[in-house]
């Protein structure tokens, strides 16, 4: 019986290897990465938060603690959001650049929109290339 099962498993693996692996959806993968970075900020984990930064960001802030301090000072809504939800996303040049809109309710009660730019890296992975934060001055309602 074990021999039959082993032959079945080997046959199944052989058949499945004929089909190309499906790449993960870049929009989903980059959204997951942004969420992971936000969680790293919420947990005050500079190393994890810094790991998602693109090489250009790391060149400007070569130390994870300096990067973390900059985000804490200049990007408070991203650093410690009250609540957040993803809005629209856009892929450019077949996924070379991806933009995600993140709607944030700050802990101070103000609403913000963070526009994340995520860039595909030479290894095919993605890193956060920048964030623009805009205050929402008009309530859209719920």
C-alpha atoms as a PDB file:
ATOM      1  CA  UNK A   1       0.000   0.000   0.000  1.00  0.00           C
ATOM      2  CA  UNK A   2       2.835   2.404   0.827  1.00  0.00           C
ATOM      3  CA  UNK A   3       4.431   1.711  -2.556  1.00  0.00           C
ATOM      4  CA  UNK A   4       1.189   2.605  -4.345  1.00  0.00           C
ATOM      5  CA  UNK A   5       0.900   5.823  -2.322  1.00  0.00           C
ATOM      6  CA  UNK A   6       4.529   6.739  -3.050  1.00  0.00           C
ATOM      7  CA  UNK A   7       3.999   6.177  -6.780  1.00  0.00           C
ATOM      8  CA  UNK A   8       0.861   8.344  -6.625  1.00  0.00           C
ATOM      9  CA  UNK A   9       2.722  11.190  -4.895  1.00  0.00           C
ATOM     10  CA  UNK A  10       5.644  11.022  -7.334  1.00  0.00           C
ATOM     11  CA  UNK A  11       3.229  11.008 -10.284  1.00  0.00           C
ATOM     12  CA  UNK A  12       1.302  13.966  -8.874  1.00  0.00           C
ATOM     13  CA  UNK A  13       4.473  15.988  -8.326  1.00  0.00           C
ATOM     14  CA  UNK A  14       5.614  15.184 -11.870  1.00  0.00           C
ATOM     15  CA  UNK A  15       2.315  16.306 -13.373  1.00  0.00           C
ATOM     16  CA  UNK A  16       2.199  19.513 -11.289  1.00  0.00           C
ATOM     17  CA  UNK A  17       5.742  20.408 -12.320  1.00  0.00           C
ATOM     18  CA  UNK A  18       4.544  20.658 -15.931  1.00  0.00           C
ATOM     19  CA  UNK A  19       2.438  23.698 -15.039  1.00  0.00           C
ATOM     20  CA  UNK A  20       4.196  27.008 -14.499  1.00  0.00           C
ATOM     21  CA  UNK A  21       3.976  28.423 -10.993  1.00  0.00           C
ATOM     22  CA  UNK A  22       1.505  31.259 -10.743  1.00  0.00           C
ATOM     23  CA  UNK A  23       3.159  34.435  -9.559  1.00  0.00           C
ATOM     24  CA  UNK A  24       1.531  36.170  -6.630  1.00  0.00           C
ATOM     25  CA  UNK A  25      -0.627  39.149  -7.535  1.00  0.00           C
ATOM     26  CA  UNK A  26       1.647  42.229  -7.170  1.00  0.00           C
ATOM     27  CA  UNK A  27      -1.196  44.389  -5.826  1.00  0.00           C
ATOM     28  CA  UNK A  28      -1.958  41.867  -3.102  1.00  0.00           C
ATOM     29  CA  UNK A  29       1.723  41.254  -2.298  1.00  0.00           C
ATOM     30  CA  UNK A  30       2.522  44.963  -1.977  1.00  0.00           C
ATOM     31  CA  UNK A  31      -0.589  45.621   0.101  1.00  0.00           C
ATOM     32  CA  UNK A  32       0.494  42.854   2.478  1.00  0.00           C
ATOM     33  CA  UNK A  33       3.957  44.441   2.663  1.00  0.00           C
ATOM     34  CA  UNK A  34       2.525  47.886   3.505  1.00  0.00           C
ATOM     35  CA  UNK A  35       0.392  46.336   6.245  1.00  0.00           C
ATOM     36  CA  UNK A  36       3.467  44.568   7.634  1.00  0.00           C
ATOM     37  CA  UNK A  37       5.391  47.853   7.750  1.00  0.00           C
ATOM     38  CA  UNK A  38       2.513  49.630   9.499  1.00  0.00           C
ATOM     39  CA  UNK A  39       2.407  46.801  12.059  1.00  0.00           C
ATOM     40  CA  UNK A  40       6.169  47.169  12.560  1.00  0.00           C
ATOM     41  CA  UNK A  41       5.676  50.891  13.277  1.00  0.00           C
ATOM     42  CA  UNK A  42       2.853  50.101  15.713  1.00  0.00           C
ATOM     43  CA  UNK A  43       5.125  47.618  17.500  1.00  0.00           C
ATOM     44  CA  UNK A  44       8.021  50.118  17.552  1.00  0.00           C
ATOM     45  CA  UNK A  45      10.191  47.703  15.559  1.00  0.00           C
ATOM     46  CA  UNK A  46      12.681  49.824  13.546  1.00  0.00           C
ATOM     47  CA  UNK A  47      14.444  46.815  12.022  1.00  0.00           C
ATOM     48  CA  UNK A  48      11.272  45.296  10.574  1.00  0.00           C
ATOM     49  CA  UNK A  49       9.933  48.671   9.370  1.00  0.00           C
ATOM     50  CA  UNK A  50      13.265  49.498   7.704  1.00  0.00           C
ATOM     51  CA  UNK A  51      13.375  46.140   5.911  1.00  0.00           C
ATOM     52  CA  UNK A  52      10.530  47.250   3.615  1.00  0.00           C
ATOM     53  CA  UNK A  53      12.289  50.454   2.482  1.00  0.00           C
ATOM     54  CA  UNK A  54      13.632  50.686  -1.073  1.00  0.00           C
ATOM     55  CA  UNK A  55      17.360  51.229  -1.694  1.00  0.00           C
ATOM     56  CA  UNK A  56      16.836  54.947  -2.394  1.00  0.00           C
ATOM     57  CA  UNK A  57      15.219  55.423   1.013  1.00  0.00           C
ATOM     58  CA  UNK A  58      17.996  53.430   2.658  1.00  0.00           C
ATOM     59  CA  UNK A  59      20.596  55.583   0.889  1.00  0.00           C
ATOM     60  CA  UNK A  60      18.973  58.729   2.309  1.00  0.00           C
ATOM     61  CA  UNK A  61      18.595  57.119   5.760  1.00  0.00           C
ATOM     62  CA  UNK A  62      21.415  54.546   6.075  1.00  0.00           C
ATOM     63  CA  UNK A  63      20.613  53.835   9.723  1.00  0.00           C
ATOM     64  CA  UNK A  64      17.339  52.117  10.695  1.00  0.00           C
ATOM     65  CA  UNK A  65      17.006  54.233  13.828  1.00  0.00           C
ATOM     66  CA  UNK A  66      17.405  57.509  11.910  1.00  0.00           C
ATOM     67  CA  UNK A  67      14.801  56.251   9.402  1.00  0.00           C
ATOM     68  CA  UNK A  68      12.469  55.322  12.237  1.00  0.00           C
ATOM     69  CA  UNK A  69      12.884  58.722  13.911  1.00  0.00           C
ATOM     70  CA  UNK A  70      12.162  60.488  10.611  1.00  0.00           C
ATOM     71  CA  UNK A  71       8.939  58.518  10.120  1.00  0.00           C
ATOM     72  CA  UNK A  72       7.915  59.133  13.721  1.00  0.00           C
ATOM     73  CA  UNK A  73       8.442  62.889  13.346  1.00  0.00           C
ATOM     74  CA  UNK A  74       7.232  63.530   9.788  1.00  0.00           C
ATOM     75  CA  UNK A  75       4.734  60.729   9.143  1.00  0.00           C
ATOM     76  CA  UNK A  76       2.846  60.400  12.422  1.00  0.00           C
ATOM     77  CA  UNK A  77      -0.385  59.138  10.759  1.00  0.00           C
ATOM     78  CA  UNK A  78       1.583  56.255   9.202  1.00  0.00           C
ATOM     79  CA  UNK A  79       3.765  55.696  12.256  1.00  0.00           C
ATOM     80  CA  UNK A  80       0.830  55.146  14.623  1.00  0.00           C
ATOM     81  CA  UNK A  81      -2.508  55.230  12.820  1.00  0.00           C
ATOM     82  CA  UNK A  82      -5.729  54.984  14.783  1.00  0.00           C
ATOM     83  CA  UNK A  83      -7.399  52.984  12.023  1.00  0.00           C
ATOM     84  CA  UNK A  84      -6.585  52.487   8.367  1.00  0.00           C
ATOM     85  CA  UNK A  85      -8.107  50.958   5.263  1.00  0.00           C
ATOM     86  CA  UNK A  86      -6.884  50.496   1.736  1.00  0.00           C
ATOM     87  CA  UNK A  87      -8.492  52.548  -0.982  1.00  0.00           C
ATOM     88  CA  UNK A  88      -7.606  52.485  -4.643  1.00  0.00           C
ATOM     89  CA  UNK A  89      -4.537  50.844  -6.135  1.00  0.00           C
ATOM     90  CA  UNK A  90      -2.831  51.366  -9.470  1.00  0.00           C
ATOM     91  CA  UNK A  91      -0.197  49.370 -11.277  1.00  0.00           C
ATOM     92  CA  UNK A  92       2.043  51.129 -13.803  1.00  0.00           C
ATOM     93  CA  UNK A  93       4.295  49.631 -16.466  1.00  0.00           C
ATOM     94  CA  UNK A  94       3.164  46.064 -15.880  1.00  0.00           C
ATOM     95  CA  UNK A  95       3.808  46.284 -12.140  1.00  0.00           C
ATOM     96  CA  UNK A  96       7.121  48.155 -12.199  1.00  0.00           C
ATOM     97  CA  UNK A  97       5.493  50.789  -9.956  1.00  0.00           C
ATOM     98  CA  UNK A  98       2.453  50.286  -7.791  1.00  0.00           C
ATOM     99  CA  UNK A  99       0.529  52.979  -5.976  1.00  0.00           C
ATOM    100  CA  UNK A 100      -1.698  52.241  -3.002  1.00  0.00           C
ATOM    101  CA  UNK A 101      -4.032  54.683  -1.340  1.00  0.00           C
ATOM    102  CA  UNK A 102      -4.296  54.124   2.414  1.00  0.00           C
ATOM    103  CA  UNK A 103      -7.041  55.990   4.250  1.00  0.00           C
ATOM    104  CA  UNK A 104      -5.994  56.738   7.814  1.00  0.00           C
ATOM    105  CA  UNK A 105      -7.858  57.987  10.863  1.00  0.00           C
ATOM    106  CA  UNK A 106      -5.174  59.474  13.026  1.00  0.00           C
ATOM    107  CA  UNK A 107      -5.099  59.089  16.776  1.00  0.00           C
ATOM    108  CA  UNK A 108      -5.640  62.840  16.921  1.00  0.00           C
ATOM    109  CA  UNK A 109      -9.011  62.446  15.188  1.00  0.00           C
ATOM    110  CA  UNK A 110      -7.823  63.855  11.856  1.00  0.00           C
ATOM    111  CA  UNK A 111      -8.232  61.942   8.608  1.00  0.00           C
ATOM    112  CA  UNK A 112      -5.349  61.421   6.190  1.00  0.00           C
ATOM    113  CA  UNK A 113      -4.657  59.806   2.855  1.00  0.00           C
ATOM    114  CA  UNK A 114      -1.269  58.165   2.434  1.00  0.00           C
ATOM    115  CA  UNK A 115      -0.172  57.406  -1.120  1.00  0.00           C
ATOM    116  CA  UNK A 116       2.431  54.650  -1.121  1.00  0.00           C
ATOM    117  CA  UNK A 117       4.736  54.209  -4.086  1.00  0.00           C
ATOM    118  CA  UNK A 118       6.103  50.682  -4.268  1.00  0.00           C
ATOM    119  CA  UNK A 119       8.800  49.783  -6.791  1.00  0.00           C
ATOM    120  CA  UNK A 120       9.765  46.424  -8.234  1.00  0.00           C
ATOM    121  CA  UNK A 121      13.367  45.602  -7.431  1.00  0.00           C
ATOM    122  CA  UNK A 122      15.897  43.868  -9.713  1.00  0.00           C
ATOM    123  CA  UNK A 123      15.279  40.580  -7.889  1.00  0.00           C
ATOM    124  CA  UNK A 124      11.545  40.805  -8.727  1.00  0.00           C
ATOM    125  CA  UNK A 125      10.487  41.668  -5.182  1.00  0.00           C
ATOM    126  CA  UNK A 126       8.985  44.969  -4.087  1.00  0.00           C
ATOM    127  CA  UNK A 127      10.074  47.705  -1.689  1.00  0.00           C
ATOM    128  CA  UNK A 128       8.381  50.904  -0.501  1.00  0.00           C
ATOM    129  CA  UNK A 129       9.872  53.764  -2.485  1.00  0.00           C
ATOM    130  CA  UNK A 130       8.051  56.636  -0.798  1.00  0.00           C
ATOM    131  CA  UNK A 131       4.891  57.825   0.915  1.00  0.00           C
ATOM    132  CA  UNK A 132       3.008  61.062   0.423  1.00  0.00           C
ATOM    133  CA  UNK A 133       0.568  62.079   3.156  1.00  0.00           C
ATOM    134  CA  UNK A 134      -2.332  64.389   2.439  1.00  0.00           C
ATOM    135  CA  UNK A 135      -4.791  65.706   5.013  1.00  0.00           C
ATOM    136  CA  UNK A 136      -8.439  64.996   4.300  1.00  0.00           C
ATOM    137  CA  UNK A 137     -10.231  68.249   4.933  1.00  0.00           C
ATOM    138  CA  UNK A 138     -13.658  67.132   3.771  1.00  0.00           C
ATOM    139  CA  UNK A 139     -15.534  64.212   5.255  1.00  0.00           C
ATOM    140  CA  UNK A 140     -16.801  61.753   2.662  1.00  0.00           C
ATOM    141  CA  UNK A 141     -19.229  60.187   5.153  1.00  0.00           C
ATOM    142  CA  UNK A 142     -19.570  56.510   5.831  1.00  0.00           C
END
